Amino acid sequence: MEQREFFIPLPDDILLRVRYVKSRGRILRFVVQLETFEDGSWTPITRYDNAHQFVHRDDLRPDGSQIKSPPMAFATNEDAFTFALRDLRVNHNFYVERYRQWKRK
């Protein structure tokens, strides 16, 4: 099995933390997590993963609670992984700003 973790830097102290486990060229498990540098440390904002045998998104709130999306249907884990990367790259500003709004409340 192949395991990898890497980071994709985005503008304004934002990054994607990407982890996956592959076997025979197929993704078995993955996490794509959006993080921002807040108050001197990297803070997770939103993550996609396929823990619990289904793909879902967790939106992380400043108080430590999570908003869990319902399970998402994809033909393959590769499709889900690609969707997660694309969504967080394209919409990172939305997710980070929403987190900051929650923090101000």
C-alpha atoms as a PDB file:
ATOM      1  CA  MET A   1       0.000   0.000   0.000  1.00  0.00           C
ATOM      2  CA  GLU A   2       1.122   3.510  -0.819  1.00  0.00           C
ATOM      3  CA  GLN A   3       0.533   6.270   1.742  1.00  0.00           C
ATOM      4  CA  ARG A   4       1.138   9.940   1.001  1.00  0.00           C
ATOM      5  CA  GLU A   5       0.682  13.244   2.748  1.00  0.00           C
ATOM      6  CA  PHE A   6       1.397  16.587   1.133  1.00  0.00           C
ATOM      7  CA  PHE A   7       0.357  20.231   1.263  1.00  0.00           C
ATOM      8  CA  ILE A   8      -1.029  22.494  -1.442  1.00  0.00           C
ATOM      9  CA  PRO A   9      -0.409  26.149  -0.598  1.00  0.00           C
ATOM     10  CA  LEU A  10      -3.150  28.634  -1.445  1.00  0.00           C
ATOM     11  CA  PRO A  11      -3.066  32.449  -1.117  1.00  0.00           C
ATOM     12  CA  ASP A  12      -3.321  34.296   2.206  1.00  0.00           C
ATOM     13  CA  ASP A  13      -1.870  31.685   4.586  1.00  0.00           C
ATOM     14  CA  ILE A  14      -4.325  29.003   3.490  1.00  0.00           C
ATOM     15  CA  LEU A  15      -3.417  25.444   2.534  1.00  0.00           C
ATOM     16  CA  LEU A  16      -4.825  22.056   1.742  1.00  0.00           C
ATOM     17  CA  ARG A  17      -3.505  19.123   3.773  1.00  0.00           C
ATOM     18  CA  VAL A  18      -3.935  16.010   1.632  1.00  0.00           C
ATOM     19  CA  ARG A  19      -3.562  12.403   2.775  1.00  0.00           C
ATOM     20  CA  TYR A  20      -4.436   9.186   1.028  1.00  0.00           C
ATOM     21  CA  VAL A  21      -3.805   5.463   1.052  1.00  0.00           C
ATOM     22  CA  LYS A  22      -3.679   3.654  -2.284  1.00  0.00           C
ATOM     23  CA  SER A  23      -3.552  -0.009  -3.151  1.00  0.00           C
ATOM     24  CA  ARG A  24      -3.140  -1.321  -6.693  1.00  0.00           C
ATOM     25  CA  GLY A  25      -3.619   2.199  -8.045  1.00  0.00           C
ATOM     26  CA  ARG A  26      -6.956   2.748  -6.274  1.00  0.00           C
ATOM     27  CA  ILE A  27      -7.586   5.194  -3.430  1.00  0.00           C
ATOM     28  CA  LEU A  28      -8.805   3.331  -0.354  1.00  0.00           C
ATOM     29  CA  ARG A  29      -8.869   6.179   2.187  1.00  0.00           C
ATOM     30  CA  PHE A  30      -8.406   9.912   1.889  1.00  0.00           C
ATOM     31  CA  VAL A  31      -8.609  13.230   3.740  1.00  0.00           C
ATOM     32  CA  VAL A  32      -8.525  16.644   2.072  1.00  0.00           C
ATOM     33  CA  GLN A  33      -8.506  19.345   4.744  1.00  0.00           C
ATOM     34  CA  LEU A  34      -8.599  23.124   4.329  1.00  0.00           C
ATOM     35  CA  GLU A  35      -6.526  24.967   6.939  1.00  0.00           C
ATOM     36  CA  THR A  36      -5.687  28.593   7.641  1.00  0.00           C
ATOM     37  CA  PHE A  37      -3.000  30.139   9.799  1.00  0.00           C
ATOM     38  CA  GLU A  38      -4.944  31.715  12.696  1.00  0.00           C
ATOM     39  CA  ASP A  39      -3.606  32.952  16.018  1.00  0.00           C
ATOM     40  CA  GLY A  40      -0.146  31.468  15.486  1.00  0.00           C
ATOM     41  CA  SER A  41      -1.101  27.951  14.386  1.00  0.00           C
ATOM     42  CA  TRP A  42      -2.689  26.045  11.529  1.00  0.00           C
ATOM     43  CA  THR A  43      -6.428  25.710  12.096  1.00  0.00           C
ATOM     44  CA  PRO A  44      -8.606  23.153  10.267  1.00  0.00           C
ATOM     45  CA  ILE A  45     -11.671  24.747   8.671  1.00  0.00           C
ATOM     46  CA  THR A  46     -13.316  22.126   6.452  1.00  0.00           C
ATOM     47  CA  ARG A  47     -12.445  18.570   5.504  1.00  0.00           C
ATOM     48  CA  TYR A  48     -13.620  15.874   3.167  1.00  0.00           C
ATOM     49  CA  ASP A  49     -12.902  12.244   3.950  1.00  0.00           C
ATOM     50  CA  ASN A  50     -14.220   8.767   3.464  1.00  0.00           C
ATOM     51  CA  ALA A  51     -13.991   7.608   7.056  1.00  0.00           C
ATOM     52  CA  HIS A  52     -16.825   5.347   8.211  1.00  0.00           C
ATOM     53  CA  GLN A  53     -17.015   3.842   4.682  1.00  0.00           C
ATOM     54  CA  PHE A  54     -18.710   6.877   3.093  1.00  0.00           C
ATOM     55  CA  VAL A  55     -17.657  10.259   1.725  1.00  0.00           C
ATOM     56  CA  HIS A  56     -18.728  13.325   3.682  1.00  0.00           C
ATOM     57  CA  ARG A  57     -17.669  16.873   4.556  1.00  0.00           C
ATOM     58  CA  ASP A  58     -17.091  18.194   8.074  1.00  0.00           C
ATOM     59  CA  ASP A  59     -17.264  21.947   8.598  1.00  0.00           C
ATOM     60  CA  LEU A  60     -15.335  22.743  11.765  1.00  0.00           C
ATOM     61  CA  ARG A  61     -16.495  25.583  14.007  1.00  0.00           C
ATOM     62  CA  PRO A  62     -14.259  27.705  16.265  1.00  0.00           C
ATOM     63  CA  ASP A  63     -15.978  26.285  19.376  1.00  0.00           C
ATOM     64  CA  GLY A  64     -14.843  22.771  18.406  1.00  0.00           C
ATOM     65  CA  SER A  65     -18.207  21.546  17.149  1.00  0.00           C
ATOM     66  CA  GLN A  66     -18.655  20.143  13.652  1.00  0.00           C
ATOM     67  CA  ILE A  67     -21.338  20.352  11.022  1.00  0.00           C
ATOM     68  CA  LYS A  68     -21.412  16.990   9.276  1.00  0.00           C
ATOM     69  CA  SER A  69     -22.752  16.797   5.747  1.00  0.00           C
ATOM     70  CA  PRO A  70     -24.853  13.825   4.755  1.00  0.00           C
ATOM     71  CA  PRO A  71     -23.058  11.018   2.918  1.00  0.00           C
ATOM     72  CA  MET A  72     -22.181  11.912  -0.663  1.00  0.00           C
ATOM     73  CA  ALA A  73     -22.484   9.451  -3.535  1.00  0.00           C
ATOM     74  CA  PHE A  74     -19.588   9.091  -5.963  1.00  0.00           C
ATOM     75  CA  ALA A  75     -18.841   6.323  -8.427  1.00  0.00           C
ATOM     76  CA  THR A  76     -15.309   5.900  -7.035  1.00  0.00           C
ATOM     77  CA  ASN A  77     -13.092   7.209  -4.269  1.00  0.00           C
ATOM     78  CA  GLU A  78     -10.986   8.811  -7.004  1.00  0.00           C
ATOM     79  CA  ASP A  79     -14.014  10.842  -8.124  1.00  0.00           C
ATOM     80  CA  ALA A  80     -14.685  11.920  -4.538  1.00  0.00           C
ATOM     81  CA  PHE A  81     -11.031  12.822  -3.976  1.00  0.00           C
ATOM     82  CA  THR A  82     -10.978  14.935  -7.154  1.00  0.00           C
ATOM     83  CA  PHE A  83     -14.246  16.645  -6.165  1.00  0.00           C
ATOM     84  CA  ALA A  84     -12.889  17.468  -2.693  1.00  0.00           C
ATOM     85  CA  LEU A  85      -9.676  18.958  -4.094  1.00  0.00           C
ATOM     86  CA  ARG A  86     -11.588  21.053  -6.618  1.00  0.00           C
ATOM     87  CA  ASP A  87     -14.228  22.289  -4.159  1.00  0.00           C
ATOM     88  CA  LEU A  88     -11.722  23.388  -1.532  1.00  0.00           C
ATOM     89  CA  ARG A  89      -9.415  25.033  -4.086  1.00  0.00           C
ATOM     90  CA  VAL A  90     -12.222  26.963  -5.781  1.00  0.00           C
ATOM     91  CA  ASN A  91     -14.243  27.827  -2.663  1.00  0.00           C
ATOM     92  CA  HIS A  92     -11.513  28.223  -0.017  1.00  0.00           C
ATOM     93  CA  ASN A  93     -12.325  31.922   0.507  1.00  0.00           C
ATOM     94  CA  PHE A  94     -15.965  31.107   1.258  1.00  0.00           C
ATOM     95  CA  TYR A  95     -15.098  28.439   3.835  1.00  0.00           C
ATOM     96  CA  VAL A  96     -12.449  30.569   5.570  1.00  0.00           C
ATOM     97  CA  GLU A  97     -14.658  33.672   5.707  1.00  0.00           C
ATOM     98  CA  ARG A  98     -17.572  31.647   7.101  1.00  0.00           C
ATOM     99  CA  TYR A  99     -15.270  30.261   9.809  1.00  0.00           C
ATOM    100  CA  ARG A 100     -14.135  33.806  10.685  1.00  0.00           C
ATOM    101  CA  GLN A 101     -17.753  34.965  10.887  1.00  0.00           C
ATOM    102  CA  TRP A 102     -18.541  32.111  13.284  1.00  0.00           C
ATOM    103  CA  LYS A 103     -15.505  33.155  15.328  1.00  0.00           C
ATOM    104  CA  ARG A 104     -16.755  36.750  15.626  1.00  0.00           C
ATOM    105  CA  LYS A 105     -20.135  35.656  17.041  1.00  0.00           C
END
